[in-house]
Amino acid sequence: MKTRNHGLDEREMELVKLLMADCKSTGDIQAKLKKLFAGTIEQMLEVE
């Protein structure tokens, strides 16, 4: 059985698995992605 990776590399797939570990609904996924995106933007702004 082949696993679909949607064009993601191995590290990105590991991140997906970690993010999905405690998500029970699409709302959980959206909330987690929103926090992740906000944290990423904050980190980028701090580096500048």
PDB file of N, CA and C in Angstrom:
ATOM      1  N   MET A   1       0.844  -1.191   0.000  1.00  0.00           N
ATOM      2  CA  MET A   1       0.000   0.000   0.000  1.00  0.00           C
ATOM      3  C   MET A   1       0.881   1.243   0.000  1.00  0.00           C
ATOM      4  N   LYS A   2       0.700   2.111  -0.951  1.00  0.00           N
ATOM      5  CA  LYS A   2       1.507   3.324  -1.073  1.00  0.00           C
ATOM      6  C   LYS A   2       0.875   4.457  -0.271  1.00  0.00           C
ATOM      7  N   THR A   3       1.698   5.161   0.499  1.00  0.00           N
ATOM      8  CA  THR A   3       1.233   6.296   1.281  1.00  0.00           C
ATOM      9  C   THR A   3       1.241   7.540   0.407  1.00  0.00           C
ATOM     10  N   ARG A   4       0.159   8.294   0.438  1.00  0.00           N
ATOM     11  CA  ARG A   4       0.094   9.548  -0.307  1.00  0.00           C
ATOM     12  C   ARG A   4       0.757  10.640   0.512  1.00  0.00           C
ATOM     13  N   ASN A   5       1.660  11.372  -0.101  1.00  0.00           N
ATOM     14  CA  ASN A   5       2.346  12.428   0.636  1.00  0.00           C
ATOM     15  C   ASN A   5       2.054  13.816   0.083  1.00  0.00           C
ATOM     16  N   HIS A   6       1.228  13.904  -0.940  1.00  0.00           N
ATOM     17  CA  HIS A   6       0.792  15.201  -1.494  1.00  0.00           C
ATOM     18  C   HIS A   6       1.969  16.122  -1.824  1.00  0.00           C
ATOM     19  N   GLY A   7       3.076  15.557  -2.246  1.00  0.00           N
ATOM     20  CA  GLY A   7       4.231  16.354  -2.627  1.00  0.00           C
ATOM     21  C   GLY A   7       5.096  16.806  -1.465  1.00  0.00           C
ATOM     22  N   LEU A   8       4.801  16.334  -0.262  1.00  0.00           N
ATOM     23  CA  LEU A   8       5.582  16.714   0.919  1.00  0.00           C
ATOM     24  C   LEU A   8       6.781  15.799   1.070  1.00  0.00           C
ATOM     25  N   ASP A   9       7.879  16.360   1.562  1.00  0.00           N
ATOM     26  CA  ASP A   9       9.031  15.511   1.817  1.00  0.00           C
ATOM     27  C   ASP A   9       8.874  14.819   3.171  1.00  0.00           C
ATOM     28  N   GLU A  10       9.833  13.988   3.516  1.00  0.00           N
ATOM     29  CA  GLU A  10       9.748  13.176   4.730  1.00  0.00           C
ATOM     30  C   GLU A  10       9.608  14.021   6.000  1.00  0.00           C
ATOM     31  N   ARG A  11      10.358  15.096   6.096  1.00  0.00           N
ATOM     32  CA  ARG A  11      10.290  15.973   7.281  1.00  0.00           C
ATOM     33  C   ARG A  11       8.934  16.658   7.381  1.00  0.00           C
ATOM     34  N   GLU A  12       8.416  17.090   6.248  1.00  0.00           N
ATOM     35  CA  GLU A  12       7.109  17.744   6.242  1.00  0.00           C
ATOM     36  C   GLU A  12       6.012  16.759   6.633  1.00  0.00           C
ATOM     37  N   MET A  13       6.114  15.522   6.169  1.00  0.00           N
ATOM     38  CA  MET A  13       5.137  14.499   6.542  1.00  0.00           C
ATOM     39  C   MET A  13       5.197  14.209   8.038  1.00  0.00           C
ATOM     40  N   GLU A  14       6.392  14.219   8.619  1.00  0.00           N
ATOM     41  CA  GLU A  14       6.534  14.021  10.063  1.00  0.00           C
ATOM     42  C   GLU A  14       5.844  15.159  10.814  1.00  0.00           C
ATOM     43  N   LEU A  15       5.996  16.380  10.326  1.00  0.00           N
ATOM     44  CA  LEU A  15       5.325  17.531  10.933  1.00  0.00           C
ATOM     45  C   LEU A  15       3.804  17.371  10.860  1.00  0.00           C
ATOM     46  N   VAL A  16       3.301  16.903   9.725  1.00  0.00           N
ATOM     47  CA  VAL A  16       1.864  16.667   9.574  1.00  0.00           C
ATOM     48  C   VAL A  16       1.391  15.668  10.626  1.00  0.00           C
ATOM     49  N   LYS A  17       2.144  14.583  10.804  1.00  0.00           N
ATOM     50  CA  LYS A  17       1.762  13.569  11.797  1.00  0.00           C
ATOM     51  C   LYS A  17       1.745  14.152  13.204  1.00  0.00           C
ATOM     52  N   LEU A  18       2.737  14.972  13.527  1.00  0.00           N
ATOM     53  CA  LEU A  18       2.785  15.595  14.847  1.00  0.00           C
ATOM     54  C   LEU A  18       1.607  16.549  15.049  1.00  0.00           C
ATOM     55  N   LEU A  19       1.299  17.330  14.043  1.00  0.00           N
ATOM     56  CA  LEU A  19       0.186  18.278  14.134  1.00  0.00           C
ATOM     57  C   LEU A  19      -1.162  17.569  14.261  1.00  0.00           C
ATOM     58  N   MET A  20      -1.294  16.441  13.608  1.00  0.00           N
ATOM     59  CA  MET A  20      -2.563  15.723  13.605  1.00  0.00           C
ATOM     60  C   MET A  20      -2.774  14.879  14.859  1.00  0.00           C
ATOM     61  N   ALA A  21      -1.731  14.686  15.649  1.00  0.00           N
ATOM     62  CA  ALA A  21      -1.788  13.770  16.787  1.00  0.00           C
ATOM     63  C   ALA A  21      -2.959  14.058  17.729  1.00  0.00           C
ATOM     64  N   ASP A  22      -3.265  15.310  17.990  1.00  0.00           N
ATOM     65  CA  ASP A  22      -4.340  15.617  18.935  1.00  0.00           C
ATOM     66  C   ASP A  22      -5.503  16.383  18.300  1.00  0.00           C
ATOM     67  N   CYS A  23      -5.616  16.335  16.994  1.00  0.00           N
ATOM     68  CA  CYS A  23      -6.726  16.979  16.295  1.00  0.00           C
ATOM     69  C   CYS A  23      -7.858  15.982  16.103  1.00  0.00           C
ATOM     70  N   LYS A  24      -9.046  16.402  16.479  1.00  0.00           N
ATOM     71  CA  LYS A  24     -10.222  15.541  16.351  1.00  0.00           C
ATOM     72  C   LYS A  24     -11.184  16.017  15.267  1.00  0.00           C
ATOM     73  N   SER A  25     -11.018  17.251  14.812  1.00  0.00           N
ATOM     74  CA  SER A  25     -11.940  17.801  13.812  1.00  0.00           C
ATOM     75  C   SER A  25     -11.197  18.777  12.909  1.00  0.00           C
ATOM     76  N   THR A  26     -11.863  19.186  11.846  1.00  0.00           N
ATOM     77  CA  THR A  26     -11.251  20.181  10.966  1.00  0.00           C
ATOM     78  C   THR A  26     -11.079  21.508  11.694  1.00  0.00           C
ATOM     79  N   GLY A  27     -11.960  21.795  12.657  1.00  0.00           N
ATOM     80  CA  GLY A  27     -11.819  23.013  13.455  1.00  0.00           C
ATOM     81  C   GLY A  27     -10.534  22.989  14.273  1.00  0.00           C
ATOM     82  N   ASP A  28     -10.204  21.823  14.830  1.00  0.00           N
ATOM     83  CA  ASP A  28      -8.951  21.673  15.575  1.00  0.00           C
ATOM     84  C   ASP A  28      -7.756  21.924  14.664  1.00  0.00           C
ATOM     85  N   ILE A  29      -7.819  21.378  13.463  1.00  0.00           N
ATOM     86  CA  ILE A  29      -6.735  21.548  12.490  1.00  0.00           C
ATOM     87  C   ILE A  29      -6.586  23.021  12.128  1.00  0.00           C
ATOM     88  N   GLN A  30      -7.704  23.685  11.856  1.00  0.00           N
ATOM     89  CA  GLN A  30      -7.660  25.105  11.495  1.00  0.00           C
ATOM     90  C   GLN A  30      -7.077  25.950  12.621  1.00  0.00           C
ATOM     91  N   ALA A  31      -7.477  25.675  13.855  1.00  0.00           N
ATOM     92  CA  ALA A  31      -6.971  26.440  14.992  1.00  0.00           C
ATOM     93  C   ALA A  31      -5.469  26.235  15.161  1.00  0.00           C
ATOM     94  N   LYS A  32      -5.031  24.996  15.016  1.00  0.00           N
ATOM     95  CA  LYS A  32      -3.606  24.700  15.172  1.00  0.00           C
ATOM     96  C   LYS A  32      -2.788  25.349  14.060  1.00  0.00           C
ATOM     97  N   LEU A  33      -3.283  25.288  12.826  1.00  0.00           N
ATOM     98  CA  LEU A  33      -2.573  25.908  11.710  1.00  0.00           C
ATOM     99  C   LEU A  33      -2.525  27.424  11.852  1.00  0.00           C
ATOM    100  N   LYS A  34      -3.594  28.008  12.357  1.00  0.00           N
ATOM    101  CA  LYS A  34      -3.629  29.450  12.579  1.00  0.00           C
ATOM    102  C   LYS A  34      -2.549  29.857  13.593  1.00  0.00           C
ATOM    103  N   LYS A  35      -2.441  29.103  14.695  1.00  0.00           N
ATOM    104  CA  LYS A  35      -1.414  29.395  15.706  1.00  0.00           C
ATOM    105  C   LYS A  35      -0.012  29.183  15.140  1.00  0.00           C
ATOM    106  N   LEU A  36       0.157  28.121  14.360  1.00  0.00           N
ATOM    107  CA  LEU A  36       1.457  27.832  13.760  1.00  0.00           C
ATOM    108  C   LEU A  36       1.864  28.939  12.796  1.00  0.00           C
ATOM    109  N   PHE A  37       0.924  29.387  11.966  1.00  0.00           N
ATOM    110  CA  PHE A  37       1.198  30.449  11.006  1.00  0.00           C
ATOM    111  C   PHE A  37       1.560  31.744  11.729  1.00  0.00           C
ATOM    112  N   ALA A  38       0.793  32.084  12.768  1.00  0.00           N
ATOM    113  CA  ALA A  38       1.069  33.302  13.531  1.00  0.00           C
ATOM    114  C   ALA A  38       2.454  33.234  14.173  1.00  0.00           C
ATOM    115  N   GLY A  39       2.794  32.086  14.737  1.00  0.00           N
ATOM    116  CA  GLY A  39       4.111  31.922  15.348  1.00  0.00           C
ATOM    117  C   GLY A  39       5.232  32.036  14.329  1.00  0.00           C
ATOM    118  N   THR A  40       4.999  31.506  13.140  1.00  0.00           N
ATOM    119  CA  THR A  40       5.996  31.582  12.070  1.00  0.00           C
ATOM    120  C   THR A  40       6.222  33.031  11.647  1.00  0.00           C
ATOM    121  N   ILE A  41       5.140  33.774  11.468  1.00  0.00           N
ATOM    122  CA  ILE A  41       5.242  35.187  11.078  1.00  0.00           C
ATOM    123  C   ILE A  41       5.976  35.975  12.167  1.00  0.00           C
ATOM    124  N   GLU A  42       5.647  35.730  13.444  1.00  0.00           N
ATOM    125  CA  GLU A  42       6.327  36.424  14.539  1.00  0.00           C
ATOM    126  C   GLU A  42       7.827  36.159  14.508  1.00  0.00           C
ATOM    127  N   GLN A  43       8.192  34.900  14.298  1.00  0.00           N
ATOM    128  CA  GLN A  43       9.617  34.539  14.237  1.00  0.00           C
ATOM    129  C   GLN A  43      10.307  35.259  13.091  1.00  0.00           C
ATOM    130  N   MET A  44       9.653  35.318  11.949  1.00  0.00           N
ATOM    131  CA  MET A  44      10.236  35.983  10.777  1.00  0.00           C
ATOM    132  C   MET A  44      10.434  37.469  11.054  1.00  0.00           C
ATOM    133  N   LEU A  45       9.473  38.109  11.703  1.00  0.00           N
ATOM    134  CA  LEU A  45       9.580  39.537  11.989  1.00  0.00           C
ATOM    135  C   LEU A  45      10.669  39.825  13.012  1.00  0.00           C
ATOM    136  N   GLU A  46      10.843  38.934  13.962  1.00  0.00           N
ATOM    137  CA  GLU A  46      11.894  39.126  14.974  1.00  0.00           C
ATOM    138  C   GLU A  46      13.283  39.028  14.389  1.00  0.00           C
ATOM    139  N   VAL A  47      13.434  38.221  13.349  1.00  0.00           N
ATOM    140  CA  VAL A  47      14.740  38.029  12.700  1.00  0.00           C
ATOM    141  C   VAL A  47      15.155  39.276  11.939  1.00  0.00           C
ATOM    142  N   GLU A  48      14.200  40.004  11.401  1.00  0.00           N
ATOM    143  CA  GLU A  48      14.525  41.196  10.595  1.00  0.00           C
ATOM    144  C   GLU A  48      15.123  42.310  11.421  1.00  0.00           C
TER     145      GLU A  48
END
